[in-house]
């Protein structure tokens, strides 16, 4: 699990650098990952333990991506407010 947070930290640094250039992407990425997460979390009637474990892994990555995209939207908003006050 620690490696996931390490990769997440590296991705966060890279995305924070790219946030200003890629700001139109973040709302769409957030909506897409949230919709995929909702689809993944719908429970089928019968499911094997292996399929359940795979679904949980996918849902964790979708939660991570959704959270990162929301964080980038907030970072962009804070950057715009602090750099360009009215």
PDB file of N, CA and C in Angstrom:
ATOM      1  N   UNK A   1       0.815  -1.195   0.000  1.00  0.00           N
ATOM      2  CA  UNK A   1       0.000   0.000   0.000  1.00  0.00           C
ATOM      3  C   UNK A   1       0.863   1.266   0.000  1.00  0.00           C
ATOM      4  N   UNK A   2       2.030   1.168   0.599  1.00  0.00           N
ATOM      5  CA  UNK A   2       2.909   2.337   0.655  1.00  0.00           C
ATOM      6  C   UNK A   2       3.363   2.774  -0.742  1.00  0.00           C
ATOM      7  N   UNK A   3       3.562   1.804  -1.630  1.00  0.00           N
ATOM      8  CA  UNK A   3       3.989   2.161  -2.982  1.00  0.00           C
ATOM      9  C   UNK A   3       2.904   2.941  -3.705  1.00  0.00           C
ATOM     10  N   UNK A   4       1.641   2.672  -3.382  1.00  0.00           N
ATOM     11  CA  UNK A   4       0.546   3.416  -4.000  1.00  0.00           C
ATOM     12  C   UNK A   4       0.632   4.887  -3.611  1.00  0.00           C
ATOM     13  N   UNK A   5       0.918   5.155  -2.343  1.00  0.00           N
ATOM     14  CA  UNK A   5       1.030   6.545  -1.903  1.00  0.00           C
ATOM     15  C   UNK A   5       2.261   7.209  -2.500  1.00  0.00           C
ATOM     16  N   UNK A   6       3.340   6.452  -2.702  1.00  0.00           N
ATOM     17  CA  UNK A   6       4.539   7.010  -3.332  1.00  0.00           C
ATOM     18  C   UNK A   6       4.250   7.417  -4.767  1.00  0.00           C
ATOM     19  N   UNK A   7       3.608   6.520  -5.497  1.00  0.00           N
ATOM     20  CA  UNK A   7       3.236   6.829  -6.881  1.00  0.00           C
ATOM     21  C   UNK A   7       2.259   8.003  -6.899  1.00  0.00           C
ATOM     22  N   UNK A   8       1.322   7.996  -5.956  1.00  0.00           N
ATOM     23  CA  UNK A   8       0.367   9.094  -5.870  1.00  0.00           C
ATOM     24  C   UNK A   8       1.040  10.431  -5.627  1.00  0.00           C
ATOM     25  N   UNK A   9       2.078  10.444  -4.787  1.00  0.00           N
ATOM     26  CA  UNK A   9       2.813  11.679  -4.530  1.00  0.00           C
ATOM     27  C   UNK A   9       3.526  12.184  -5.768  1.00  0.00           C
ATOM     28  N   UNK A  10       4.141  11.260  -6.506  1.00  0.00           N
ATOM     29  CA  UNK A  10       4.830  11.643  -7.743  1.00  0.00           C
ATOM     30  C   UNK A  10       3.818  12.183  -8.756  1.00  0.00           C
ATOM     31  N   UNK A  11       2.690  11.498  -8.871  1.00  0.00           N
ATOM     32  CA  UNK A  11       1.647  11.943  -9.801  1.00  0.00           C
ATOM     33  C   UNK A  11       1.111  13.306  -9.378  1.00  0.00           C
ATOM     34  N   UNK A  12       0.932  13.509  -8.071  1.00  0.00           N
ATOM     35  CA  UNK A  12       0.434  14.790  -7.582  1.00  0.00           C
ATOM     36  C   UNK A  12       1.387  15.930  -7.929  1.00  0.00           C
ATOM     37  N   UNK A  13       2.680  15.704  -7.760  1.00  0.00           N
ATOM     38  CA  UNK A  13       3.665  16.738  -8.109  1.00  0.00           C
ATOM     39  C   UNK A  13       3.602  17.043  -9.605  1.00  0.00           C
ATOM     40  N   UNK A  14       3.563  15.983 -10.422  1.00  0.00           N
ATOM     41  CA  UNK A  14       3.506  16.181 -11.873  1.00  0.00           C
ATOM     42  C   UNK A  14       2.225  16.906 -12.269  1.00  0.00           C
ATOM     43  N   UNK A  15       1.109  16.507 -11.665  1.00  0.00           N
ATOM     44  CA  UNK A  15      -0.162  17.132 -12.015  1.00  0.00           C
ATOM     45  C   UNK A  15      -0.243  18.575 -11.530  1.00  0.00           C
ATOM     46  N   UNK A  16       0.376  18.862 -10.401  1.00  0.00           N
ATOM     47  CA  UNK A  16       0.347  20.244  -9.935  1.00  0.00           C
ATOM     48  C   UNK A  16       1.130  21.153 -10.873  1.00  0.00           C
ATOM     49  N   UNK A  17       2.185  20.619 -11.484  1.00  0.00           N
ATOM     50  CA  UNK A  17       2.925  21.390 -12.479  1.00  0.00           C
ATOM     51  C   UNK A  17       2.077  21.581 -13.736  1.00  0.00           C
ATOM     52  N   UNK A  18       1.352  20.526 -14.124  1.00  0.00           N
ATOM     53  CA  UNK A  18       0.561  20.573 -15.351  1.00  0.00           C
ATOM     54  C   UNK A  18      -0.844  21.128 -15.145  1.00  0.00           C
ATOM     55  N   UNK A  19      -1.226  21.438 -13.913  1.00  0.00           N
ATOM     56  CA  UNK A  19      -2.606  21.837 -13.617  1.00  0.00           C
ATOM     57  C   UNK A  19      -3.043  23.067 -14.386  1.00  0.00           C
ATOM     58  N   UNK A  20      -2.146  24.028 -14.514  1.00  0.00           N
ATOM     59  CA  UNK A  20      -2.532  25.268 -15.182  1.00  0.00           C
ATOM     60  C   UNK A  20      -2.755  25.055 -16.676  1.00  0.00           C
ATOM     61  N   UNK A  21      -1.988  24.155 -17.289  1.00  0.00           N
ATOM     62  CA  UNK A  21      -2.134  23.913 -18.717  1.00  0.00           C
ATOM     63  C   UNK A  21      -3.284  22.972 -19.033  1.00  0.00           C
ATOM     64  N   UNK A  22      -3.592  22.073 -18.095  1.00  0.00           N
ATOM     65  CA  UNK A  22      -4.602  21.040 -18.357  1.00  0.00           C
ATOM     66  C   UNK A  22      -5.919  21.288 -17.646  1.00  0.00           C
ATOM     67  N   UNK A  23      -6.176  22.506 -17.174  1.00  0.00           N
ATOM     68  CA  UNK A  23      -7.365  22.738 -16.368  1.00  0.00           C
ATOM     69  C   UNK A  23      -8.678  22.344 -17.042  1.00  0.00           C
ATOM     70  N   UNK A  24      -8.835  22.407 -18.388  1.00  0.00           N
ATOM     71  CA  UNK A  24     -10.128  21.983 -18.952  1.00  0.00           C
ATOM     72  C   UNK A  24     -10.384  20.485 -18.819  1.00  0.00           C
ATOM     73  N   UNK A  25      -9.353  19.693 -18.554  1.00  0.00           N
ATOM     74  CA  UNK A  25      -9.495  18.234 -18.486  1.00  0.00           C
ATOM     75  C   UNK A  25     -10.073  17.785 -17.143  1.00  0.00           C
ATOM     76  N   UNK A  26      -9.773  18.494 -16.058  1.00  0.00           N
ATOM     77  CA  UNK A  26     -10.107  18.009 -14.725  1.00  0.00           C
ATOM     78  C   UNK A  26     -11.600  17.803 -14.485  1.00  0.00           C
ATOM     79  N   UNK A  27     -12.500  18.704 -14.893  1.00  0.00           N
ATOM     80  CA  UNK A  27     -13.926  18.431 -14.655  1.00  0.00           C
ATOM     81  C   UNK A  27     -14.398  17.164 -15.366  1.00  0.00           C
ATOM     82  N   UNK A  28     -13.934  16.958 -16.591  1.00  0.00           N
ATOM     83  CA  UNK A  28     -14.349  15.773 -17.333  1.00  0.00           C
ATOM     84  C   UNK A  28     -13.781  14.501 -16.707  1.00  0.00           C
ATOM     85  N   UNK A  29     -12.531  14.566 -16.254  1.00  0.00           N
ATOM     86  CA  UNK A  29     -11.925  13.407 -15.607  1.00  0.00           C
ATOM     87  C   UNK A  29     -12.643  13.077 -14.310  1.00  0.00           C
ATOM     88  N   UNK A  30     -13.027  14.090 -13.558  1.00  0.00           N
ATOM     89  CA  UNK A  30     -13.754  13.861 -12.306  1.00  0.00           C
ATOM     90  C   UNK A  30     -15.108  13.204 -12.574  1.00  0.00           C
ATOM     91  N   UNK A  31     -15.844  13.729 -13.533  1.00  0.00           N
ATOM     92  CA  UNK A  31     -17.160  13.164 -13.848  1.00  0.00           C
ATOM     93  C   UNK A  31     -17.018  11.737 -14.386  1.00  0.00           C
ATOM     94  N   UNK A  32     -16.045  11.513 -15.258  1.00  0.00           N
ATOM     95  CA  UNK A  32     -15.834  10.186 -15.843  1.00  0.00           C
ATOM     96  C   UNK A  32     -15.466   9.157 -14.781  1.00  0.00           C
ATOM     97  N   UNK A  33     -14.502   9.502 -13.925  1.00  0.00           N
ATOM     98  CA  UNK A  33     -14.089   8.532 -12.912  1.00  0.00           C
ATOM     99  C   UNK A  33     -15.182   8.294 -11.878  1.00  0.00           C
ATOM    100  N   UNK A  34     -15.944   9.325 -11.557  1.00  0.00           N
ATOM    101  CA  UNK A  34     -17.047   9.140 -10.620  1.00  0.00           C
ATOM    102  C   UNK A  34     -18.122   8.219 -11.202  1.00  0.00           C
ATOM    103  N   UNK A  35     -18.415   8.394 -12.490  1.00  0.00           N
ATOM    104  CA  UNK A  35     -19.407   7.530 -13.136  1.00  0.00           C
ATOM    105  C   UNK A  35     -18.906   6.089 -13.227  1.00  0.00           C
ATOM    106  N   UNK A  36     -17.627   5.908 -13.555  1.00  0.00           N
ATOM    107  CA  UNK A  36     -17.063   4.563 -13.619  1.00  0.00           C
ATOM    108  C   UNK A  36     -17.073   3.908 -12.242  1.00  0.00           C
ATOM    109  N   UNK A  37     -16.776   4.687 -11.215  1.00  0.00           N
ATOM    110  CA  UNK A  37     -16.784   4.153  -9.856  1.00  0.00           C
ATOM    111  C   UNK A  37     -18.179   3.692  -9.466  1.00  0.00           C
ATOM    112  N   UNK A  38     -19.187   4.470  -9.816  1.00  0.00           N
ATOM    113  CA  UNK A  38     -20.555   4.075  -9.517  1.00  0.00           C
ATOM    114  C   UNK A  38     -20.921   2.778 -10.232  1.00  0.00           C
ATOM    115  N   UNK A  39     -20.452   2.614 -11.465  1.00  0.00           N
ATOM    116  CA  UNK A  39     -20.738   1.392 -12.214  1.00  0.00           C
ATOM    117  C   UNK A  39     -19.996   0.193 -11.622  1.00  0.00           C
ATOM    118  N   UNK A  40     -18.764   0.409 -11.193  1.00  0.00           N
ATOM    119  CA  UNK A  40     -17.966  -0.689 -10.636  1.00  0.00           C
ATOM    120  C   UNK A  40     -18.526  -1.156  -9.304  1.00  0.00           C
ATOM    121  N   UNK A  41     -19.059  -0.245  -8.509  1.00  0.00           N
ATOM    122  CA  UNK A  41     -19.520  -0.592  -7.177  1.00  0.00           C
ATOM    123  C   UNK A  41     -20.890  -1.250  -7.139  1.00  0.00           C
ATOM    124  N   UNK A  42     -21.577  -1.320  -8.274  1.00  0.00           N
ATOM    125  CA  UNK A  42     -22.857  -2.013  -8.294  1.00  0.00           C
ATOM    126  C   UNK A  42     -22.596  -3.502  -8.119  1.00  0.00           C
ATOM    127  N   UNK A  43     -23.212  -4.078  -7.101  1.00  0.00           N
ATOM    128  CA  UNK A  43     -22.936  -5.467  -6.754  1.00  0.00           C
ATOM    129  C   UNK A  43     -23.787  -6.435  -7.582  1.00  0.00           C
ATOM    130  N   UNK A  44     -23.156  -7.409  -8.217  1.00  0.00           N
ATOM    131  CA  UNK A  44     -23.932  -8.456  -8.880  1.00  0.00           C
ATOM    132  C   UNK A  44     -24.480  -9.448  -7.844  1.00  0.00           C
ATOM    133  N   UNK A  45     -25.436 -10.252  -8.260  1.00  0.00           N
ATOM    134  CA  UNK A  45     -26.059 -11.209  -7.339  1.00  0.00           C
ATOM    135  C   UNK A  45     -25.049 -12.247  -6.839  1.00  0.00           C
ATOM    136  N   UNK A  46     -24.310 -12.860  -7.730  1.00  0.00           N
ATOM    137  CA  UNK A  46     -23.309 -13.867  -7.368  1.00  0.00           C
ATOM    138  C   UNK A  46     -21.949 -13.394  -7.876  1.00  0.00           C
ATOM    139  N   UNK A  47     -20.932 -13.572  -7.040  1.00  0.00           N
ATOM    140  CA  UNK A  47     -19.621 -13.109  -7.433  1.00  0.00           C
ATOM    141  C   UNK A  47     -18.553 -13.946  -6.721  1.00  0.00           C
ATOM    142  N   UNK A  48     -17.512 -14.302  -7.457  1.00  0.00           N
ATOM    143  CA  UNK A  48     -16.417 -15.061  -6.845  1.00  0.00           C
ATOM    144  C   UNK A  48     -15.530 -14.118  -6.026  1.00  0.00           C
ATOM    145  N   UNK A  49     -14.729 -14.689  -5.150  1.00  0.00           N
ATOM    146  CA  UNK A  49     -13.835 -13.891  -4.316  1.00  0.00           C
ATOM    147  C   UNK A  49     -12.797 -13.170  -5.172  1.00  0.00           C
ATOM    148  N   UNK A  50     -12.330 -13.840  -6.232  1.00  0.00           N
ATOM    149  CA  UNK A  50     -11.334 -13.224  -7.121  1.00  0.00           C
ATOM    150  C   UNK A  50     -11.924 -12.023  -7.853  1.00  0.00           C
ATOM    151  N   UNK A  51     -13.141 -12.163  -8.342  1.00  0.00           N
ATOM    152  CA  UNK A  51     -13.791 -11.053  -9.047  1.00  0.00           C
ATOM    153  C   UNK A  51     -14.050  -9.890  -8.090  1.00  0.00           C
ATOM    154  N   UNK A  52     -14.410 -10.214  -6.860  1.00  0.00           N
ATOM    155  CA  UNK A  52     -14.657  -9.169  -5.867  1.00  0.00           C
ATOM    156  C   UNK A  52     -13.363  -8.407  -5.546  1.00  0.00           C
ATOM    157  N   UNK A  53     -12.258  -9.123  -5.394  1.00  0.00           N
ATOM    158  CA  UNK A  53     -10.971  -8.485  -5.111  1.00  0.00           C
ATOM    159  C   UNK A  53     -10.543  -7.592  -6.270  1.00  0.00           C
ATOM    160  N   UNK A  54     -10.755  -8.071  -7.500  1.00  0.00           N
ATOM    161  CA  UNK A  54     -10.404  -7.264  -8.670  1.00  0.00           C
ATOM    162  C   UNK A  54     -11.259  -6.000  -8.740  1.00  0.00           C
ATOM    163  N   UNK A  55     -12.540  -6.143  -8.436  1.00  0.00           N
ATOM    164  CA  UNK A  55     -13.436  -4.986  -8.457  1.00  0.00           C
ATOM    165  C   UNK A  55     -13.038  -3.957  -7.402  1.00  0.00           C
ATOM    166  N   UNK A  56     -12.618  -4.432  -6.246  1.00  0.00           N
ATOM    167  CA  UNK A  56     -12.198  -3.507  -5.194  1.00  0.00           C
ATOM    168  C   UNK A  56     -10.908  -2.786  -5.571  1.00  0.00           C
ATOM    169  N   UNK A  57      -9.995  -3.479  -6.246  1.00  0.00           N
ATOM    170  CA  UNK A  57      -8.771  -2.829  -6.701  1.00  0.00           C
ATOM    171  C   UNK A  57      -9.089  -1.737  -7.719  1.00  0.00           C
ATOM    172  N   UNK A  58      -9.961  -2.050  -8.659  1.00  0.00           N
ATOM    173  CA  UNK A  58     -10.363  -1.054  -9.658  1.00  0.00           C
ATOM    174  C   UNK A  58     -11.047   0.127  -8.988  1.00  0.00           C
ATOM    175  N   UNK A  59     -11.898  -0.146  -8.012  1.00  0.00           N
ATOM    176  CA  UNK A  59     -12.602   0.947  -7.343  1.00  0.00           C
ATOM    177  C   UNK A  59     -11.634   1.830  -6.561  1.00  0.00           C
ATOM    178  N   UNK A  60     -10.589   1.251  -5.977  1.00  0.00           N
ATOM    179  CA  UNK A  60      -9.601   2.072  -5.268  1.00  0.00           C
ATOM    180  C   UNK A  60      -8.886   3.013  -6.229  1.00  0.00           C
ATOM    181  N   UNK A  61      -8.508   2.509  -7.397  1.00  0.00           N
ATOM    182  CA  UNK A  61      -7.840   3.362  -8.390  1.00  0.00           C
ATOM    183  C   UNK A  61      -8.789   4.445  -8.901  1.00  0.00           C
ATOM    184  N   UNK A  62     -10.049   4.113  -9.076  1.00  0.00           N
ATOM    185  CA  UNK A  62     -11.010   5.121  -9.530  1.00  0.00           C
ATOM    186  C   UNK A  62     -11.229   6.194  -8.471  1.00  0.00           C
ATOM    187  N   UNK A  63     -11.270   5.785  -7.217  1.00  0.00           N
ATOM    188  CA  UNK A  63     -11.387   6.767  -6.132  1.00  0.00           C
ATOM    189  C   UNK A  63     -10.163   7.673  -6.125  1.00  0.00           C
ATOM    190  N   UNK A  64      -8.988   7.083  -6.318  1.00  0.00           N
ATOM    191  CA  UNK A  64      -7.752   7.862  -6.370  1.00  0.00           C
ATOM    192  C   UNK A  64      -7.792   8.870  -7.518  1.00  0.00           C
ATOM    193  N   UNK A  65      -8.161   8.421  -8.713  1.00  0.00           N
ATOM    194  CA  UNK A  65      -8.213   9.320  -9.871  1.00  0.00           C
ATOM    195  C   UNK A  65      -9.266  10.410  -9.692  1.00  0.00           C
ATOM    196  N   UNK A  66     -10.403  10.029  -9.162  1.00  0.00           N
ATOM    197  CA  UNK A  66     -11.458  11.005  -8.938  1.00  0.00           C
ATOM    198  C   UNK A  66     -11.020  12.049  -7.918  1.00  0.00           C
ATOM    199  N   UNK A  67     -10.398  11.597  -6.852  1.00  0.00           N
ATOM    200  CA  UNK A  67      -9.894  12.521  -5.835  1.00  0.00           C
ATOM    201  C   UNK A  67      -8.809  13.433  -6.373  1.00  0.00           C
ATOM    202  N   UNK A  68      -7.922  12.875  -7.177  1.00  0.00           N
ATOM    203  CA  UNK A  68      -6.847  13.681  -7.760  1.00  0.00           C
ATOM    204  C   UNK A  68      -7.410  14.743  -8.697  1.00  0.00           C
ATOM    205  N   UNK A  69      -8.392  14.376  -9.502  1.00  0.00           N
ATOM    206  CA  UNK A  69      -8.961  15.358 -10.425  1.00  0.00           C
ATOM    207  C   UNK A  69      -9.690  16.462  -9.658  1.00  0.00           C
ATOM    208  N   UNK A  70     -10.380  16.097  -8.579  1.00  0.00           N
ATOM    209  CA  UNK A  70     -11.040  17.109  -7.763  1.00  0.00           C
ATOM    210  C   UNK A  70     -10.016  18.005  -7.077  1.00  0.00           C
ATOM    211  N   UNK A  71      -8.931  17.417  -6.601  1.00  0.00           N
ATOM    212  CA  UNK A  71      -7.866  18.194  -5.985  1.00  0.00           C
ATOM    213  C   UNK A  71      -7.243  19.160  -6.985  1.00  0.00           C
ATOM    214  N   UNK A  72      -7.066  18.730  -8.218  1.00  0.00           N
ATOM    215  CA  UNK A  72      -6.492  19.609  -9.237  1.00  0.00           C
ATOM    216  C   UNK A  72      -7.448  20.754  -9.570  1.00  0.00           C
ATOM    217  N   UNK A  73      -8.744  20.491  -9.569  1.00  0.00           N
ATOM    218  CA  UNK A  73      -9.707  21.572  -9.774  1.00  0.00           C
ATOM    219  C   UNK A  73      -9.605  22.604  -8.655  1.00  0.00           C
ATOM    220  N   UNK A  74      -9.493  22.124  -7.426  1.00  0.00           N
ATOM    221  CA  UNK A  74      -9.359  23.038  -6.294  1.00  0.00           C
ATOM    222  C   UNK A  74      -8.045  23.810  -6.357  1.00  0.00           C
ATOM    223  N   UNK A  75      -6.969  23.132  -6.727  1.00  0.00           N
ATOM    224  CA  UNK A  75      -5.673  23.793  -6.870  1.00  0.00           C
ATOM    225  C   UNK A  75      -5.729  24.874  -7.929  1.00  0.00           C
ATOM    226  N   UNK A  76      -6.378  24.582  -9.042  1.00  0.00           N
ATOM    227  CA  UNK A  76      -6.508  25.575 -10.101  1.00  0.00           C
ATOM    228  C   UNK A  76      -7.319  26.777  -9.621  1.00  0.00           C
ATOM    229  N   UNK A  77      -8.410  26.503  -8.910  1.00  0.00           N
ATOM    230  CA  UNK A  77      -9.247  27.591  -8.410  1.00  0.00           C
ATOM    231  C   UNK A  77      -8.472  28.476  -7.433  1.00  0.00           C
ATOM    232  N   UNK A  78      -7.729  27.863  -6.525  1.00  0.00           N
ATOM    233  CA  UNK A  78      -6.943  28.639  -5.565  1.00  0.00           C
ATOM    234  C   UNK A  78      -5.867  29.436  -6.288  1.00  0.00           C
ATOM    235  N   UNK A  79      -5.239  28.834  -7.284  1.00  0.00           N
ATOM    236  CA  UNK A  79      -4.213  29.535  -8.054  1.00  0.00           C
ATOM    237  C   UNK A  79      -4.800  30.748  -8.766  1.00  0.00           C
ATOM    238  N   UNK A  80      -5.957  30.582  -9.364  1.00  0.00           N
ATOM    239  CA  UNK A  80      -6.587  31.696 -10.074  1.00  0.00           C
ATOM    240  C   UNK A  80      -6.988  32.803  -9.113  1.00  0.00           C
ATOM    241  N   UNK A  81      -7.470  32.436  -7.935  1.00  0.00           N
ATOM    242  CA  UNK A  81      -7.903  33.451  -6.967  1.00  0.00           C
ATOM    243  C   UNK A  81      -6.711  34.210  -6.414  1.00  0.00           C
ATOM    244  N   UNK A  82      -5.620  33.505  -6.108  1.00  0.00           N
ATOM    245  CA  UNK A  82      -4.474  34.180  -5.500  1.00  0.00           C
ATOM    246  C   UNK A  82      -3.631  34.950  -6.508  1.00  0.00           C
ATOM    247  N   UNK A  83      -3.519  34.466  -7.737  1.00  0.00           N
ATOM    248  CA  UNK A  83      -2.688  35.147  -8.722  1.00  0.00           C
ATOM    249  C   UNK A  83      -3.402  36.271  -9.441  1.00  0.00           C
ATOM    250  N   UNK A  84      -4.702  36.169  -9.574  1.00  0.00           N
ATOM    251  CA  UNK A  84      -5.456  37.166 -10.315  1.00  0.00           C
ATOM    252  C   UNK A  84      -6.611  37.706  -9.472  1.00  0.00           C
ATOM    253  N   UNK A  85      -6.306  38.412  -8.379  1.00  0.00           N
ATOM    254  CA  UNK A  85      -7.407  38.953  -7.570  1.00  0.00           C
ATOM    255  C   UNK A  85      -8.108  40.085  -8.312  1.00  0.00           C
ATOM    256  N   UNK A  86      -9.357  40.281  -7.980  1.00  0.00           N
ATOM    257  CA  UNK A  86     -10.130  41.326  -8.658  1.00  0.00           C
ATOM    258  C   UNK A  86      -9.988  42.649  -7.971  1.00  0.00           C
TER     259      UNK A  86
END
